[in-house]
């Protein structure tokens, strides 16, 4: 890649600097998004319960996949909302639809996560109670 290509919009620099950009994005989401803060709190609660109940290795894998999936969907939702806000400052039905659909992905995964949590922790809770 020559120097002319490096000045074009979209060039992000070195491979290691791309990690810095990704970390910046993660920090932005953690600072600005209420829902991701709720998910971080709930993730710590679930990890705490998992340690308490000494869940199996497979259950740990399921738990971390669900936690990671929720974070990823919330991050993508934030990206979509910010792009829509960048494109239009006025109300537009398609902008609303894009934001609503992105938010619905997070809602669907959150509901599925709750179901998985009940299936995962239900037997432990019933045994403990």
C-alpha atoms as a PDB file:
ATOM      1  CA  UNK A   1       0.000   0.000   0.000  1.00  0.00           C
ATOM      2  CA  UNK A   2       1.522   3.310  -0.975  1.00  0.00           C
ATOM      3  CA  UNK A   3       1.247   6.580   0.935  1.00  0.00           C
ATOM      4  CA  UNK A   4      -1.549   7.810  -1.315  1.00  0.00           C
ATOM      5  CA  UNK A   5      -3.741   4.867  -0.236  1.00  0.00           C
ATOM      6  CA  UNK A   6      -3.025   5.561   3.430  1.00  0.00           C
ATOM      7  CA  UNK A   7      -4.566   9.009   3.189  1.00  0.00           C
ATOM      8  CA  UNK A   8      -7.839   7.712   1.810  1.00  0.00           C
ATOM      9  CA  UNK A   9     -10.876   7.673   4.038  1.00  0.00           C
ATOM     10  CA  UNK A  10     -11.268   4.303   5.693  1.00  0.00           C
ATOM     11  CA  UNK A  11      -7.595   3.462   6.133  1.00  0.00           C
ATOM     12  CA  UNK A  12      -7.152   2.547   9.785  1.00  0.00           C
ATOM     13  CA  UNK A  13      -3.401   2.073  10.121  1.00  0.00           C
ATOM     14  CA  UNK A  14      -1.528  -0.861  11.574  1.00  0.00           C
ATOM     15  CA  UNK A  15      -2.993  -4.094  12.813  1.00  0.00           C
ATOM     16  CA  UNK A  16      -2.153  -3.199  16.403  1.00  0.00           C
ATOM     17  CA  UNK A  17      -3.734   0.241  16.119  1.00  0.00           C
ATOM     18  CA  UNK A  18      -6.979  -1.448  15.053  1.00  0.00           C
ATOM     19  CA  UNK A  19      -7.110  -2.985  18.542  1.00  0.00           C
ATOM     20  CA  UNK A  20      -6.812   0.511  19.975  1.00  0.00           C
ATOM     21  CA  UNK A  21      -9.750   1.683  17.863  1.00  0.00           C
ATOM     22  CA  UNK A  22     -11.806  -1.323  18.950  1.00  0.00           C
ATOM     23  CA  UNK A  23     -10.950  -0.648  22.603  1.00  0.00           C
ATOM     24  CA  UNK A  24     -11.988   3.004  22.127  1.00  0.00           C
ATOM     25  CA  UNK A  25     -15.323   1.805  20.761  1.00  0.00           C
ATOM     26  CA  UNK A  26     -15.816  -0.537  23.683  1.00  0.00           C
ATOM     27  CA  UNK A  27     -15.011   2.219  26.172  1.00  0.00           C
ATOM     28  CA  UNK A  28     -17.477   4.532  24.389  1.00  0.00           C
ATOM     29  CA  UNK A  29     -20.255   1.970  24.699  1.00  0.00           C
ATOM     30  CA  UNK A  30     -19.453   1.253  28.353  1.00  0.00           C
ATOM     31  CA  UNK A  31     -19.444   4.977  29.188  1.00  0.00           C
ATOM     32  CA  UNK A  32     -22.530   6.019  27.256  1.00  0.00           C
ATOM     33  CA  UNK A  33     -24.986   3.131  27.026  1.00  0.00           C
ATOM     34  CA  UNK A  34     -27.241   2.365  29.989  1.00  0.00           C
ATOM     35  CA  UNK A  35     -28.254  -1.072  28.722  1.00  0.00           C
ATOM     36  CA  UNK A  36     -24.691  -2.335  28.416  1.00  0.00           C
ATOM     37  CA  UNK A  37     -24.080  -1.274  32.012  1.00  0.00           C
ATOM     38  CA  UNK A  38     -27.086  -3.355  33.067  1.00  0.00           C
ATOM     39  CA  UNK A  39     -25.720  -6.306  31.077  1.00  0.00           C
ATOM     40  CA  UNK A  40     -22.281  -5.946  32.683  1.00  0.00           C
ATOM     41  CA  UNK A  41     -23.885  -5.972  36.131  1.00  0.00           C
ATOM     42  CA  UNK A  42     -26.009  -9.014  35.291  1.00  0.00           C
ATOM     43  CA  UNK A  43     -22.978 -10.780  33.804  1.00  0.00           C
ATOM     44  CA  UNK A  44     -21.125 -10.350  37.107  1.00  0.00           C
ATOM     45  CA  UNK A  45     -24.170 -11.656  38.995  1.00  0.00           C
ATOM     46  CA  UNK A  46     -24.342 -14.714  36.722  1.00  0.00           C
ATOM     47  CA  UNK A  47     -20.610 -15.358  37.057  1.00  0.00           C
ATOM     48  CA  UNK A  48     -20.972 -15.081  40.824  1.00  0.00           C
ATOM     49  CA  UNK A  49     -23.843 -17.580  40.819  1.00  0.00           C
ATOM     50  CA  UNK A  50     -21.807 -19.871  38.597  1.00  0.00           C
ATOM     51  CA  UNK A  51     -18.907 -19.806  41.027  1.00  0.00           C
ATOM     52  CA  UNK A  52     -21.262 -20.408  43.940  1.00  0.00           C
ATOM     53  CA  UNK A  53     -22.992 -23.366  42.278  1.00  0.00           C
ATOM     54  CA  UNK A  54     -19.762 -24.713  40.756  1.00  0.00           C
ATOM     55  CA  UNK A  55     -21.315 -25.224  37.342  1.00  0.00           C
ATOM     56  CA  UNK A  56     -19.810 -27.629  34.804  1.00  0.00           C
ATOM     57  CA  UNK A  57     -17.353 -26.703  32.056  1.00  0.00           C
ATOM     58  CA  UNK A  58     -20.077 -26.983  29.400  1.00  0.00           C
ATOM     59  CA  UNK A  59     -22.344 -24.723  31.447  1.00  0.00           C
ATOM     60  CA  UNK A  60     -19.490 -22.172  31.708  1.00  0.00           C
ATOM     61  CA  UNK A  61     -19.118 -22.259  27.936  1.00  0.00           C
ATOM     62  CA  UNK A  62     -22.840 -21.690  27.448  1.00  0.00           C
ATOM     63  CA  UNK A  63     -22.822 -18.863  29.994  1.00  0.00           C
ATOM     64  CA  UNK A  64     -19.900 -17.061  28.352  1.00  0.00           C
ATOM     65  CA  UNK A  65     -21.394 -17.485  24.873  1.00  0.00           C
ATOM     66  CA  UNK A  66     -24.654 -15.946  26.068  1.00  0.00           C
ATOM     67  CA  UNK A  67     -22.874 -13.077  27.860  1.00  0.00           C
ATOM     68  CA  UNK A  68     -20.640 -12.382  24.854  1.00  0.00           C
ATOM     69  CA  UNK A  69     -23.582 -12.587  22.456  1.00  0.00           C
ATOM     70  CA  UNK A  70     -25.524 -10.043  24.485  1.00  0.00           C
ATOM     71  CA  UNK A  71     -22.561  -7.649  24.564  1.00  0.00           C
ATOM     72  CA  UNK A  72     -21.995  -7.999  20.826  1.00  0.00           C
ATOM     73  CA  UNK A  73     -25.636  -7.342  19.988  1.00  0.00           C
ATOM     74  CA  UNK A  74     -25.748  -4.275  22.260  1.00  0.00           C
ATOM     75  CA  UNK A  75     -22.557  -2.935  20.665  1.00  0.00           C
ATOM     76  CA  UNK A  76     -23.926  -3.460  17.143  1.00  0.00           C
ATOM     77  CA  UNK A  77     -27.213  -1.852  18.216  1.00  0.00           C
ATOM     78  CA  UNK A  78     -25.281   1.205  19.429  1.00  0.00           C
ATOM     79  CA  UNK A  79     -23.331   1.382  16.169  1.00  0.00           C
ATOM     80  CA  UNK A  80     -26.524   1.243  14.102  1.00  0.00           C
ATOM     81  CA  UNK A  81     -28.205   3.913  16.219  1.00  0.00           C
ATOM     82  CA  UNK A  82     -25.193   6.210  15.878  1.00  0.00           C
ATOM     83  CA  UNK A  83     -24.974   5.738  12.113  1.00  0.00           C
ATOM     84  CA  UNK A  84     -28.685   6.511  11.756  1.00  0.00           C
ATOM     85  CA  UNK A  85     -28.226   9.651  13.873  1.00  0.00           C
ATOM     86  CA  UNK A  86     -25.269  10.650  11.688  1.00  0.00           C
ATOM     87  CA  UNK A  87     -27.249  10.271   8.481  1.00  0.00           C
ATOM     88  CA  UNK A  88     -30.347  12.177   9.520  1.00  0.00           C
ATOM     89  CA  UNK A  89     -31.097  14.721  12.202  1.00  0.00           C
ATOM     90  CA  UNK A  90     -34.774  14.892  11.312  1.00  0.00           C
ATOM     91  CA  UNK A  91     -37.409  12.326  12.105  1.00  0.00           C
ATOM     92  CA  UNK A  92     -37.762   9.798   9.332  1.00  0.00           C
ATOM     93  CA  UNK A  93     -39.886   6.644   9.469  1.00  0.00           C
ATOM     94  CA  UNK A  94     -37.063   4.521   8.014  1.00  0.00           C
ATOM     95  CA  UNK A  95     -34.606   5.861  10.581  1.00  0.00           C
ATOM     96  CA  UNK A  96     -37.051   4.916  13.331  1.00  0.00           C
ATOM     97  CA  UNK A  97     -37.522   1.472  11.796  1.00  0.00           C
ATOM     98  CA  UNK A  98     -33.763   0.881  11.590  1.00  0.00           C
ATOM     99  CA  UNK A  99     -33.302   1.843  15.232  1.00  0.00           C
ATOM    100  CA  UNK A 100     -36.317  -0.174  16.381  1.00  0.00           C
ATOM    101  CA  UNK A 101     -35.224  -3.285  14.491  1.00  0.00           C
ATOM    102  CA  UNK A 102     -31.694  -3.052  15.907  1.00  0.00           C
ATOM    103  CA  UNK A 103     -33.127  -2.678  19.410  1.00  0.00           C
ATOM    104  CA  UNK A 104     -35.443  -5.635  18.804  1.00  0.00           C
ATOM    105  CA  UNK A 105     -32.424  -7.867  18.126  1.00  0.00           C
ATOM    106  CA  UNK A 106     -31.130  -6.992  21.593  1.00  0.00           C
ATOM    107  CA  UNK A 107     -34.569  -7.618  23.113  1.00  0.00           C
ATOM    108  CA  UNK A 108     -34.936 -11.024  21.457  1.00  0.00           C
ATOM    109  CA  UNK A 109     -31.470 -12.124  22.563  1.00  0.00           C
ATOM    110  CA  UNK A 110     -32.098 -10.833  26.090  1.00  0.00           C
ATOM    111  CA  UNK A 111     -35.301 -12.881  26.304  1.00  0.00           C
ATOM    112  CA  UNK A 112     -33.517 -15.971  25.010  1.00  0.00           C
ATOM    113  CA  UNK A 113     -30.720 -15.314  27.520  1.00  0.00           C
ATOM    114  CA  UNK A 114     -33.238 -15.317  30.363  1.00  0.00           C
ATOM    115  CA  UNK A 115     -34.659 -18.636  29.157  1.00  0.00           C
ATOM    116  CA  UNK A 116     -31.146 -20.095  28.935  1.00  0.00           C
ATOM    117  CA  UNK A 117     -30.425 -18.758  32.429  1.00  0.00           C
ATOM    118  CA  UNK A 118     -33.527 -20.433  33.833  1.00  0.00           C
ATOM    119  CA  UNK A 119     -32.603 -23.727  32.172  1.00  0.00           C
ATOM    120  CA  UNK A 120     -28.984 -23.413  33.336  1.00  0.00           C
ATOM    121  CA  UNK A 121     -29.549 -22.271  36.913  1.00  0.00           C
ATOM    122  CA  UNK A 122     -33.043 -23.629  37.619  1.00  0.00           C
ATOM    123  CA  UNK A 123     -31.889 -27.076  38.746  1.00  0.00           C
ATOM    124  CA  UNK A 124     -29.198 -25.551  40.978  1.00  0.00           C
ATOM    125  CA  UNK A 125     -31.663 -23.132  42.545  1.00  0.00           C
ATOM    126  CA  UNK A 126     -34.263 -25.859  43.118  1.00  0.00           C
ATOM    127  CA  UNK A 127     -31.641 -28.078  44.762  1.00  0.00           C
ATOM    128  CA  UNK A 128     -30.353 -25.230  46.919  1.00  0.00           C
ATOM    129  CA  UNK A 129     -33.788 -24.080  48.052  1.00  0.00           C
END
